[in-house]
Structure formats: structure tokens, C-alpha cells
């Protein structure tokens, strides 16, 4: 009987709880991230962030510099096999983390950003999201630029399809009467 009481007391012990372990892990992680050597690790790194940074050290990833239109820049690590879409996702993540740490919660409409601007490398617009970065000649330490770019209505296939479906439904409705 004493054994069962002591085991239940151990369960109630806050030092054995998963919350304390998590807090200890978070404090250790925070102490590690304050080390200048690990300055490129994000504040709340995901497994993919850590994996990309390890790959960067091993040479199977590259660091791309992104020049904004205000002449400031930041770096985004991506795998060597990354596509334009992967780079855009990395930019989105990096900018959102930066805005979060500077100003708290702030919403950026990425649909608006990519609808009005595009990335460019050596005066070539990176418009095909499925194209590999290496297809454009982008290598480690390359610099891409944001440039103004407004999609033409003809290249917005999705909105055109919606319009077609809408009018197609109207045609059936009016011809049946």
C-alpha cells in the first residue's frame, strides 16, 4: 500500500512533469541560440529549419541573398535542389519571423506581394514557381532582387477559369428557358 501511495506522489511531483522538461529544454535552447555561432538559427526553429542549416554546413544547401526595393537585404537558406516556390516560401518565413520579432503580430498579404512584385536574377524574372533555382544559374551566395511586376490578366489562369465557369452556368440557365 505504501508503494502505490509513493508512486502517486511521484506523479504529482512537478519536477517529473513533461512541462518542466519542456521548460528546461526551451531554456537550454534559448541559451544555445544566444551563442553568436548559432545566430542564423531562427528563434523557434522547426525541424526543416535545422535540417536546412545542417545541409548548408555540409554543402548540400545554399544561402541566397534577397535585395529588397529599399536597398536592404537578408539571407535565406534553401536546399541546392530548391525551386522558385521553395525560395518564395523561405522569403515569406524569414520576413514573417523578422516582422514578428520587431513589431509583434503583423499581417503581410503575400498574394498582394507576389501579384505586384517578382524576383529577378541577372535581369531575368523568376516567374515559373516549379523551375529549379539552378536552372536560372542561381548558386550559393547569389543575390536575387525584388522588382515591380504586375501579372497580365491572361496569365492569371485561375481567375479566368472561374469566370468561364460562372458564364457557362448562366448560358445553361438562359438557354433552357
Protein backbone atom coordinates (compact mmCIF):
# COMPACT_ATOMS: atom_id res chain seq x y z
CA UNK A 1 0.00 0.00 0.00
CA UNK A 2 2.86 2.39 0.72
CA UNK A 3 4.24 1.65 -2.71
CA UNK A 4 1.11 2.83 -4.51
CA UNK A 5 0.96 5.99 -2.41
CA UNK A 6 4.59 6.80 -3.12
CA UNK A 7 4.14 6.25 -6.86
CA UNK A 8 1.13 8.57 -6.92
CA UNK A 9 3.16 11.18 -5.03
CA UNK A 10 5.87 10.86 -7.70
CA UNK A 11 3.26 11.54 -10.39
CA UNK A 12 2.19 14.71 -8.57
CA UNK A 13 5.81 15.86 -8.27
CA UNK A 14 6.12 18.90 -10.60
CA UNK A 15 9.79 18.10 -11.30
CA UNK A 16 8.82 14.90 -13.12
CA UNK A 17 6.19 16.52 -15.32
CA UNK A 18 6.62 16.96 -19.04
CA UNK A 19 6.04 20.72 -18.64
CA UNK A 20 9.16 21.07 -16.52
CA UNK A 21 11.13 19.02 -19.05
CA UNK A 22 9.81 21.19 -21.85
CA UNK A 23 10.68 24.36 -19.93
CA UNK A 24 14.18 23.06 -19.28
CA UNK A 25 14.58 22.18 -22.97
CA UNK A 26 13.34 25.62 -24.01
CA UNK A 27 15.72 27.40 -21.64
CA UNK A 28 18.62 25.28 -22.90
CA UNK A 29 17.60 26.01 -26.49
CA UNK A 30 17.35 29.75 -25.73
CA UNK A 31 20.83 29.69 -24.17
CA UNK A 32 22.20 27.91 -27.25
CA UNK A 33 20.52 30.34 -29.65
CA UNK A 34 22.14 33.29 -27.82
CA UNK A 35 25.53 31.91 -28.86
CA UNK A 36 26.92 34.06 -31.73
CA UNK A 37 27.92 30.94 -33.66
CA UNK A 38 24.25 29.97 -33.93
CA UNK A 39 22.99 33.44 -34.84
CA UNK A 40 21.50 32.19 -38.13
CA UNK A 41 19.16 29.73 -36.36
CA UNK A 42 15.63 31.16 -36.07
CA UNK A 43 14.13 31.76 -32.61
CA UNK A 44 11.59 28.92 -32.88
CA UNK A 45 13.31 26.58 -35.32
CA UNK A 46 11.37 23.81 -36.99
CA UNK A 47 12.97 20.52 -37.87
CA UNK A 48 13.20 21.61 -41.52
CA UNK A 49 14.99 24.84 -40.47
CA UNK A 50 17.61 22.87 -38.57
CA UNK A 51 17.88 20.34 -41.41
CA UNK A 52 18.45 23.11 -43.96
CA UNK A 53 21.11 24.76 -41.79
CA UNK A 54 22.91 21.43 -41.32
CA UNK A 55 22.73 20.87 -45.09
CA UNK A 56 24.15 24.36 -45.57
CA UNK A 57 27.16 23.41 -43.46
CA UNK A 58 27.54 20.14 -45.37
CA UNK A 59 27.35 21.90 -48.75
CA UNK A 60 24.03 20.44 -49.93
CA UNK A 61 22.20 23.74 -49.40
CA UNK A 62 22.86 27.31 -50.44
CA UNK A 63 22.36 30.75 -48.95
CA UNK A 64 20.57 33.23 -51.21
CA UNK A 65 20.73 36.98 -50.56
CA UNK A 66 17.45 38.80 -51.23
CA UNK A 67 17.70 42.51 -52.03
CA UNK A 68 14.52 44.41 -51.20
CA UNK A 69 13.44 47.54 -53.04
CA UNK A 70 14.51 49.73 -50.10
CA UNK A 71 18.12 48.52 -50.71
CA UNK A 72 18.19 46.37 -47.56
CA UNK A 73 18.83 42.67 -47.86
CA UNK A 74 18.52 39.44 -45.92
CA UNK A 75 19.65 35.87 -46.47
CA UNK A 76 17.52 32.79 -46.99
CA UNK A 77 18.95 29.25 -46.79
CA UNK A 78 17.48 26.77 -49.31
CA UNK A 79 18.44 23.30 -50.48
CA UNK A 80 20.53 23.03 -53.67
CA UNK A 81 17.54 21.37 -55.37
CA UNK A 82 15.15 24.19 -54.39
CA UNK A 83 12.60 25.65 -56.78
CA UNK A 84 11.46 29.26 -57.09
CA UNK A 85 8.47 28.32 -54.94
CA UNK A 86 10.81 27.00 -52.20
CA UNK A 87 12.69 30.31 -52.28
CA UNK A 88 9.43 32.27 -52.04
CA UNK A 89 8.36 30.16 -49.05
CA UNK A 90 11.75 30.78 -47.41
CA UNK A 91 11.41 34.52 -48.02
CA UNK A 92 7.90 34.51 -46.58
CA UNK A 93 9.06 32.65 -43.48
CA UNK A 94 12.10 34.89 -42.97
CA UNK A 95 10.14 38.13 -43.40
CA UNK A 96 7.31 36.94 -41.14
CA UNK A 97 9.83 35.97 -38.42
CA UNK A 98 11.58 39.32 -38.76
CA UNK A 99 8.33 41.29 -38.60
CA UNK A 100 7.16 39.21 -35.64
CA UNK A 101 10.33 39.88 -33.65
CA UNK A 102 10.36 43.61 -34.46
CA UNK A 103 6.72 44.61 -34.33
CA UNK A 104 4.75 41.73 -32.87
CA UNK A 105 1.92 40.30 -34.94
CA UNK A 106 1.64 41.94 -38.34
CA UNK A 107 -0.13 40.50 -41.37
CA UNK A 108 1.51 40.69 -44.79
CA UNK A 109 -0.62 39.84 -47.81
CA UNK A 110 1.70 37.59 -49.76
CA UNK A 111 -0.90 37.25 -52.51
CA UNK A 112 -0.58 41.03 -52.98
CA UNK A 113 3.23 40.89 -52.81
CA UNK A 114 3.57 38.17 -55.46
CA UNK A 115 0.80 39.77 -57.55
CA UNK A 116 2.69 43.07 -57.79
CA UNK A 117 6.36 42.08 -57.47
CA UNK A 118 8.55 39.23 -58.61
CA UNK A 119 12.08 38.04 -58.00
CA UNK A 120 14.79 38.69 -60.54
CA UNK A 121 18.27 37.25 -61.04
CA UNK A 122 20.61 38.91 -63.56
CA UNK A 123 17.65 40.77 -65.11
CA UNK A 124 15.72 37.52 -65.63
CA UNK A 125 12.34 37.32 -63.91
CA UNK A 126 11.80 34.20 -61.82
CA UNK A 127 8.18 33.62 -62.82
CA UNK A 128 7.96 29.81 -63.02
CA UNK A 129 7.42 28.55 -59.47
CA UNK A 130 8.29 24.99 -60.50
CA UNK A 131 11.65 25.87 -62.07
CA UNK A 132 14.76 24.96 -60.14
CA UNK A 133 16.92 27.82 -58.92
CA UNK A 134 19.94 26.22 -60.56
CA UNK A 135 18.09 26.39 -63.92
CA UNK A 136 18.45 30.19 -63.64
CA UNK A 137 22.12 29.88 -62.70
CA UNK A 138 21.49 30.68 -59.03
CA UNK A 139 24.23 29.26 -56.81
CA UNK A 140 25.37 29.66 -53.21
CA UNK A 141 25.70 33.35 -52.22
CA UNK A 142 23.78 34.56 -55.28
CA UNK A 143 21.65 37.67 -54.92
CA UNK A 144 18.07 37.94 -56.19
CA UNK A 145 16.13 41.21 -56.34
CA UNK A 146 12.52 42.20 -55.82
CA UNK A 147 11.26 44.12 -58.84
CA UNK A 148 7.83 45.55 -59.68
CA UNK A 149 5.81 43.17 -61.81
CA UNK A 150 2.09 43.08 -62.43
CA UNK A 151 0.71 39.88 -63.87
CA UNK A 152 -1.23 40.31 -67.07
CA UNK A 153 -4.82 39.16 -66.96
CA UNK A 154 -4.09 36.42 -69.48
CA UNK A 155 -1.51 34.79 -67.19
CA UNK A 156 -4.00 34.56 -64.31
CA UNK A 157 -5.38 31.24 -65.40
CA UNK A 158 -7.25 30.58 -62.16
CA UNK A 159 -9.41 33.71 -62.29
CA UNK A 160 -10.15 33.16 -65.98
CA UNK A 161 -11.35 29.62 -65.28
CA UNK A 162 -13.66 30.87 -62.53
CA UNK A 163 -15.12 33.45 -64.90
CA UNK A 164 -15.63 30.78 -67.56
CA UNK A 165 -17.45 28.51 -65.11
CA UNK A 166 -19.68 31.40 -64.00
CA UNK A 167 -20.73 32.39 -67.52
CA UNK A 168 -21.02 28.75 -68.57
CA UNK A 169 -23.61 28.25 -65.81
CA UNK A 170 -25.52 31.36 -66.96
CA UNK A 171 -25.62 30.13 -70.53
CA UNK A 172 -27.23 26.85 -69.49
CA UNK A 173 -29.77 28.69 -67.34
CA UNK A 174 -30.81 31.13 -70.11
CA UNK A 175 -30.87 28.60 -72.96
CA UNK A 176 -33.10 26.21 -71.00
CA UNK A 177 -35.92 28.82 -70.76
